[in-house]
Amino acid sequence: MNSVPIIETDRLVLRPYRRDDFSSYAALFADVDVTRFVGGVPFTREQSWTRFLRQVGMWHYFGFGFFAIQDRQTGVFLGEAGFHDVHRAITPSLEGTMETGWALSPKAHGQGLATEAVSAALKWADHQFPTLRKTCIIDVGNQASIRVAEKHGFKEFWRTTYHSNHVIMFERHLKTVTATGKMRAHAET
């Protein structure tokens, strides 16, 4: 079993899920504001449990997964951010990529916490899996998440429909320093 790192930022702790996170996790995905762009329908407790176990199990098989996000000062569970490979029935396929995602409680919206969490997770991923392509899919109406993705170098490469929702597929472009010292953008491969 791969160990899940603990990452601290100025305001957050990204850490492994604990079993006692589940009630907060189920409440997060039962919130209509959270699921509006994640399928459009609040999750049942059973659906949340399946997702929770999937996020935990990802670490075992891939060496990456989602982190629980906790407020550094209060210890309150705020949401999740990280990576998965869920073998979506989507074209083009995202299989074999580190599909990046995040979901935060509405009480954490509008404070830059998603940006802070995604930044920390990507920094870890870039160090641990520098050659794995980072991707994400975002509902076309989710402007806040589109801004978060773009802040982290994600660029649109395709638009499609997934589960009857119009989504944008993104891939992350990194900046590297060439032999001459100039910056060059490239897509991860």
C-alpha atoms as a PDB file:
ATOM      1  CA  MET A   1       0.000   0.000   0.000  1.00  0.00           C
ATOM      2  CA  ASN A   2       1.308   3.436  -0.945  1.00  0.00           C
ATOM      3  CA  SER A   3       1.391   5.956   1.847  1.00  0.00           C
ATOM      4  CA  VAL A   4      -0.548   9.168   1.358  1.00  0.00           C
ATOM      5  CA  PRO A   5       1.517  12.288   2.007  1.00  0.00           C
ATOM      6  CA  ILE A   6       0.404  15.149   4.198  1.00  0.00           C
ATOM      7  CA  ILE A   7       0.828  18.558   2.592  1.00  0.00           C
ATOM      8  CA  GLU A   8       0.458  21.799   4.503  1.00  0.00           C
ATOM      9  CA  THR A   9      -0.184  25.185   2.950  1.00  0.00           C
ATOM     10  CA  ASP A  10      -0.716  28.546   4.629  1.00  0.00           C
ATOM     11  CA  ARG A  11      -4.379  27.767   5.348  1.00  0.00           C
ATOM     12  CA  LEU A  12      -4.907  24.095   4.562  1.00  0.00           C
ATOM     13  CA  VAL A  13      -3.814  20.564   5.304  1.00  0.00           C
ATOM     14  CA  LEU A  14      -4.126  18.062   2.472  1.00  0.00           C
ATOM     15  CA  ARG A  15      -4.103  14.646   4.087  1.00  0.00           C
ATOM     16  CA  PRO A  16      -5.320  11.064   3.753  1.00  0.00           C
ATOM     17  CA  TYR A  17      -9.008  10.459   4.307  1.00  0.00           C
ATOM     18  CA  ARG A  18     -10.008   9.029   7.658  1.00  0.00           C
ATOM     19  CA  ARG A  19     -13.067   6.876   8.205  1.00  0.00           C
ATOM     20  CA  ASP A  20     -14.519   9.573  10.469  1.00  0.00           C
ATOM     21  CA  ASP A  21     -14.441  12.018   7.512  1.00  0.00           C
ATOM     22  CA  PHE A  22     -17.301  10.160   5.869  1.00  0.00           C
ATOM     23  CA  SER A  23     -20.208  12.038   7.468  1.00  0.00           C
ATOM     24  CA  SER A  24     -18.708  15.355   6.362  1.00  0.00           C
ATOM     25  CA  TYR A  25     -17.912  13.871   2.959  1.00  0.00           C
ATOM     26  CA  ALA A  26     -21.499  12.636   2.494  1.00  0.00           C
ATOM     27  CA  ALA A  27     -22.822  16.071   3.518  1.00  0.00           C
ATOM     28  CA  LEU A  28     -20.475  17.730   0.998  1.00  0.00           C
ATOM     29  CA  PHE A  29     -21.790  15.655  -1.906  1.00  0.00           C
ATOM     30  CA  ALA A  30     -25.400  15.944  -0.757  1.00  0.00           C
ATOM     31  CA  ASP A  31     -25.140  19.725  -1.200  1.00  0.00           C
ATOM     32  CA  VAL A  32     -26.820  20.983  -4.375  1.00  0.00           C
ATOM     33  CA  ASP A  33     -24.230  23.782  -4.731  1.00  0.00           C
ATOM     34  CA  VAL A  34     -21.403  21.216  -4.756  1.00  0.00           C
ATOM     35  CA  THR A  35     -23.035  18.744  -7.155  1.00  0.00           C
ATOM     36  CA  ARG A  36     -24.480  21.314  -9.545  1.00  0.00           C
ATOM     37  CA  PHE A  37     -21.471  20.729 -11.819  1.00  0.00           C
ATOM     38  CA  VAL A  38     -20.706  17.169 -10.665  1.00  0.00           C
ATOM     39  CA  GLY A  39     -23.552  15.308 -12.285  1.00  0.00           C
ATOM     40  CA  GLY A  40     -26.172  17.904 -11.359  1.00  0.00           C
ATOM     41  CA  VAL A  41     -27.880  15.838  -8.657  1.00  0.00           C
ATOM     42  CA  PRO A  42     -26.955  15.553  -4.961  1.00  0.00           C
ATOM     43  CA  PHE A  43     -25.457  12.175  -4.088  1.00  0.00           C
ATOM     44  CA  THR A  44     -27.211   9.672  -1.870  1.00  0.00           C
ATOM     45  CA  ARG A  45     -25.270   8.482   1.161  1.00  0.00           C
ATOM     46  CA  GLU A  46     -24.614   5.223  -0.708  1.00  0.00           C
ATOM     47  CA  GLN A  47     -23.232   7.052  -3.760  1.00  0.00           C
ATOM     48  CA  SER A  48     -21.020   9.159  -1.501  1.00  0.00           C
ATOM     49  CA  TRP A  49     -19.703   6.019   0.194  1.00  0.00           C
ATOM     50  CA  THR A  50     -18.776   4.496  -3.180  1.00  0.00           C
ATOM     51  CA  ARG A  51     -16.988   7.688  -4.222  1.00  0.00           C
ATOM     52  CA  PHE A  52     -15.264   7.955  -0.829  1.00  0.00           C
ATOM     53  CA  LEU A  53     -13.919   4.395  -1.123  1.00  0.00           C
ATOM     54  CA  ARG A  54     -12.826   5.027  -4.713  1.00  0.00           C
ATOM     55  CA  GLN A  55     -10.835   8.080  -3.648  1.00  0.00           C
ATOM     56  CA  VAL A  56      -9.152   6.148  -0.842  1.00  0.00           C
ATOM     57  CA  GLY A  57      -8.443   3.096  -3.037  1.00  0.00           C
ATOM     58  CA  MET A  58      -6.851   5.079  -5.851  1.00  0.00           C
ATOM     59  CA  TRP A  59      -3.702   5.465  -3.734  1.00  0.00           C
ATOM     60  CA  HIS A  60      -3.273   1.700  -3.463  1.00  0.00           C
ATOM     61  CA  TYR A  61      -3.281   1.025  -7.187  1.00  0.00           C
ATOM     62  CA  PHE A  62      -1.825   4.174  -8.696  1.00  0.00           C
ATOM     63  CA  GLY A  63       0.297   5.830  -6.005  1.00  0.00           C
ATOM     64  CA  PHE A  64      -1.867   8.931  -6.319  1.00  0.00           C
ATOM     65  CA  GLY A  65      -5.396   9.867  -5.382  1.00  0.00           C
ATOM     66  CA  PHE A  66      -7.460  12.528  -3.710  1.00  0.00           C
ATOM     67  CA  PHE A  67      -6.573  14.301  -0.499  1.00  0.00           C
ATOM     68  CA  ALA A  68      -9.021  15.335   2.182  1.00  0.00           C
ATOM     69  CA  ILE A  69      -8.789  19.108   2.622  1.00  0.00           C
ATOM     70  CA  GLN A  70      -8.855  20.351   6.183  1.00  0.00           C
ATOM     71  CA  ASP A  71      -8.778  23.899   7.519  1.00  0.00           C
ATOM     72  CA  ARG A  72      -5.333  24.237   9.095  1.00  0.00           C
ATOM     73  CA  GLN A  73      -6.540  26.347  12.054  1.00  0.00           C
ATOM     74  CA  THR A  74      -9.843  24.691  12.918  1.00  0.00           C
ATOM     75  CA  GLY A  75      -9.354  21.150  11.611  1.00  0.00           C
ATOM     76  CA  VAL A  76     -12.724  21.340   9.821  1.00  0.00           C
ATOM     77  CA  PHE A  77     -13.130  19.134   6.732  1.00  0.00           C
ATOM     78  CA  LEU A  78     -13.545  21.443   3.709  1.00  0.00           C
ATOM     79  CA  GLY A  79     -13.515  19.111   0.719  1.00  0.00           C
ATOM     80  CA  GLU A  80     -11.162  17.220  -1.545  1.00  0.00           C
ATOM     81  CA  ALA A  81      -8.579  17.749  -4.239  1.00  0.00           C
ATOM     82  CA  GLY A  82      -6.271  15.426  -6.079  1.00  0.00           C
ATOM     83  CA  PHE A  83      -6.084  12.950  -8.907  1.00  0.00           C
ATOM     84  CA  HIS A  84      -7.788   9.869 -10.223  1.00  0.00           C
ATOM     85  CA  ASP A  85      -8.012   7.604 -13.234  1.00  0.00           C
ATOM     86  CA  VAL A  86     -11.669   6.557 -13.312  1.00  0.00           C
ATOM     87  CA  HIS A  87     -11.823   5.057 -16.819  1.00  0.00           C
ATOM     88  CA  ARG A  88     -14.599   7.408 -17.903  1.00  0.00           C
ATOM     89  CA  ALA A  89     -16.613   6.488 -20.987  1.00  0.00           C
ATOM     90  CA  ILE A  90     -15.542   9.705 -22.708  1.00  0.00           C
ATOM     91  CA  THR A  91     -13.926  10.512 -26.031  1.00  0.00           C
ATOM     92  CA  PRO A  92     -11.091  11.255 -26.217  1.00  0.00           C
ATOM     93  CA  SER A  93     -10.113   8.941 -23.394  1.00  0.00           C
ATOM     94  CA  LEU A  94      -8.472  10.235 -20.234  1.00  0.00           C
ATOM     95  CA  GLU A  95      -7.317   6.776 -19.149  1.00  0.00           C
ATOM     96  CA  GLY A  96      -3.694   6.712 -18.097  1.00  0.00           C
ATOM     97  CA  THR A  97      -3.682  10.393 -17.110  1.00  0.00           C
ATOM     98  CA  MET A  98      -3.782  12.001 -13.698  1.00  0.00           C
ATOM     99  CA  GLU A  99      -7.253  13.507 -13.944  1.00  0.00           C
ATOM    100  CA  THR A 100      -7.211  16.451 -11.582  1.00  0.00           C
ATOM    101  CA  GLY A 101     -10.268  17.384  -9.561  1.00  0.00           C
ATOM    102  CA  TRP A 102     -11.475  19.349  -6.575  1.00  0.00           C
ATOM    103  CA  ALA A 103     -14.666  19.994  -4.635  1.00  0.00           C
ATOM    104  CA  LEU A 104     -15.020  22.308  -1.666  1.00  0.00           C
ATOM    105  CA  SER A 105     -17.804  23.093   0.741  1.00  0.00           C
ATOM    106  CA  PRO A 106     -19.786  26.219  -0.207  1.00  0.00           C
ATOM    107  CA  LYS A 107     -18.565  27.846   3.037  1.00  0.00           C
ATOM    108  CA  ALA A 108     -15.042  27.647   1.534  1.00  0.00           C
ATOM    109  CA  HIS A 109     -15.976  29.109  -1.851  1.00  0.00           C
ATOM    110  CA  GLY A 110     -14.650  32.460  -3.007  1.00  0.00           C
ATOM    111  CA  GLN A 111     -11.597  32.489  -0.714  1.00  0.00           C
ATOM    112  CA  GLY A 112      -8.952  31.114  -3.053  1.00  0.00           C
ATOM    113  CA  LEU A 113      -8.884  27.802  -1.177  1.00  0.00           C
ATOM    114  CA  ALA A 114      -9.442  25.674  -4.296  1.00  0.00           C
ATOM    115  CA  THR A 115      -6.507  27.438  -5.956  1.00  0.00           C
ATOM    116  CA  GLU A 116      -4.363  26.871  -2.858  1.00  0.00           C
ATOM    117  CA  ALA A 117      -5.285  23.176  -2.603  1.00  0.00           C
ATOM    118  CA  VAL A 118      -4.869  22.434  -6.312  1.00  0.00           C
ATOM    119  CA  SER A 119      -1.540  24.262  -6.367  1.00  0.00           C
ATOM    120  CA  ALA A 120      -0.216  22.143  -3.497  1.00  0.00           C
ATOM    121  CA  ALA A 121      -1.514  18.900  -5.012  1.00  0.00           C
ATOM    122  CA  LEU A 122      -0.018  19.691  -8.427  1.00  0.00           C
ATOM    123  CA  LYS A 123       3.335  20.621  -6.926  1.00  0.00           C
ATOM    124  CA  TRP A 124       3.416  17.198  -5.268  1.00  0.00           C
ATOM    125  CA  ALA A 125       2.291  15.455  -8.486  1.00  0.00           C
ATOM    126  CA  ASP A 126       4.820  17.289 -10.653  1.00  0.00           C
ATOM    127  CA  HIS A 127       7.578  16.030  -8.343  1.00  0.00           C
ATOM    128  CA  GLN A 128       6.283  12.455  -7.964  1.00  0.00           C
ATOM    129  CA  PHE A 129       4.919  11.895 -11.491  1.00  0.00           C
ATOM    130  CA  PRO A 130       6.646  14.429 -13.739  1.00  0.00           C
ATOM    131  CA  THR A 131       5.955  12.534 -16.969  1.00  0.00           C
ATOM    132  CA  LEU A 132       2.297  11.636 -16.374  1.00  0.00           C
ATOM    133  CA  ARG A 133      -0.124  13.857 -18.278  1.00  0.00           C
ATOM    134  CA  LYS A 134      -2.414  15.942 -16.041  1.00  0.00           C
ATOM    135  CA  THR A 135      -5.967  16.483 -17.310  1.00  0.00           C
ATOM    136  CA  CYS A 136      -9.345  17.628 -16.036  1.00  0.00           C
ATOM    137  CA  ILE A 137     -12.903  17.922 -17.255  1.00  0.00           C
ATOM    138  CA  ILE A 138     -15.108  20.808 -16.207  1.00  0.00           C
ATOM    139  CA  ASP A 139     -18.742  21.618 -16.931  1.00  0.00           C
ATOM    140  CA  VAL A 140     -18.929  24.579 -19.329  1.00  0.00           C
ATOM    141  CA  GLY A 141     -20.985  26.522 -16.773  1.00  0.00           C
ATOM    142  CA  ASN A 142     -18.488  26.138 -13.939  1.00  0.00           C
ATOM    143  CA  GLN A 143     -16.567  29.364 -14.470  1.00  0.00           C
ATOM    144  CA  ALA A 144     -14.943  29.277 -11.017  1.00  0.00           C
ATOM    145  CA  SER A 145     -13.349  25.878 -11.678  1.00  0.00           C
ATOM    146  CA  ILE A 146     -12.346  26.888 -15.196  1.00  0.00           C
ATOM    147  CA  ARG A 147     -10.461  29.842 -13.670  1.00  0.00           C
ATOM    148  CA  VAL A 148      -8.754  27.541 -11.141  1.00  0.00           C
ATOM    149  CA  ALA A 149      -7.685  25.179 -13.947  1.00  0.00           C
ATOM    150  CA  GLU A 150      -6.361  27.998 -16.112  1.00  0.00           C
ATOM    151  CA  LYS A 151      -4.374  29.469 -13.192  1.00  0.00           C
ATOM    152  CA  HIS A 152      -2.541  26.149 -13.029  1.00  0.00           C
ATOM    153  CA  GLY A 153      -1.639  25.950 -16.702  1.00  0.00           C
ATOM    154  CA  PHE A 154      -4.530  23.806 -17.923  1.00  0.00           C
ATOM    155  CA  LYS A 155      -5.579  24.553 -21.499  1.00  0.00           C
ATOM    156  CA  GLU A 156      -8.705  23.457 -23.312  1.00  0.00           C
ATOM    157  CA  PHE A 157      -8.151  20.702 -25.855  1.00  0.00           C
ATOM    158  CA  TRP A 158     -11.643  19.315 -26.488  1.00  0.00           C
ATOM    159  CA  ARG A 159     -15.346  19.888 -25.841  1.00  0.00           C
ATOM    160  CA  THR A 160     -17.779  17.033 -25.541  1.00  0.00           C
ATOM    161  CA  THR A 161     -20.833  15.741 -23.706  1.00  0.00           C
ATOM    162  CA  TYR A 162     -20.411  13.520 -20.670  1.00  0.00           C
ATOM    163  CA  HIS A 163     -23.498  12.104 -18.922  1.00  0.00           C
ATOM    164  CA  SER A 164     -25.653  14.633 -20.813  1.00  0.00           C
ATOM    165  CA  ASN A 165     -23.543  17.564 -19.576  1.00  0.00           C
ATOM    166  CA  HIS A 166     -21.471  19.809 -21.834  1.00  0.00           C
ATOM    167  CA  VAL A 167     -17.886  19.690 -20.600  1.00  0.00           C
ATOM    168  CA  ILE A 168     -14.519  21.094 -21.506  1.00  0.00           C
ATOM    169  CA  MET A 169     -11.524  18.778 -21.450  1.00  0.00           C
ATOM    170  CA  PHE A 170      -8.248  20.357 -20.341  1.00  0.00           C
ATOM    171  CA  GLU A 171      -4.632  19.267 -20.278  1.00  0.00           C
ATOM    172  CA  ARG A 172      -1.869  20.880 -18.299  1.00  0.00           C
ATOM    173  CA  HIS A 173       0.946  22.678 -19.958  1.00  0.00           C
ATOM    174  CA  LEU A 174       4.147  23.086 -18.022  1.00  0.00           C
ATOM    175  CA  LYS A 175       6.861  25.641 -18.523  1.00  0.00           C
ATOM    176  CA  THR A 176      10.362  24.275 -18.804  1.00  0.00           C
ATOM    177  CA  VAL A 177      13.693  25.971 -19.112  1.00  0.00           C
ATOM    178  CA  THR A 178      15.524  25.231 -22.363  1.00  0.00           C
ATOM    179  CA  ALA A 179      19.284  24.787 -22.640  1.00  0.00           C
ATOM    180  CA  THR A 180      19.523  28.487 -23.537  1.00  0.00           C
ATOM    181  CA  GLY A 181      17.647  29.475 -20.371  1.00  0.00           C
ATOM    182  CA  LYS A 182      14.456  30.511 -22.204  1.00  0.00           C
ATOM    183  CA  MET A 183      11.040  29.397 -20.968  1.00  0.00           C
ATOM    184  CA  ARG A 184       9.123  27.033 -23.234  1.00  0.00           C
ATOM    185  CA  ALA A 185       5.558  25.787 -22.749  1.00  0.00           C
ATOM    186  CA  HIS A 186       4.733  22.175 -23.592  1.00  0.00           C
ATOM    187  CA  ALA A 187       1.972  19.703 -23.001  1.00  0.00           C
ATOM    188  CA  GLU A 188       2.773  16.884 -20.644  1.00  0.00           C
ATOM    189  CA  THR A 189       3.095  13.536 -22.362  1.00  0.00           C
END
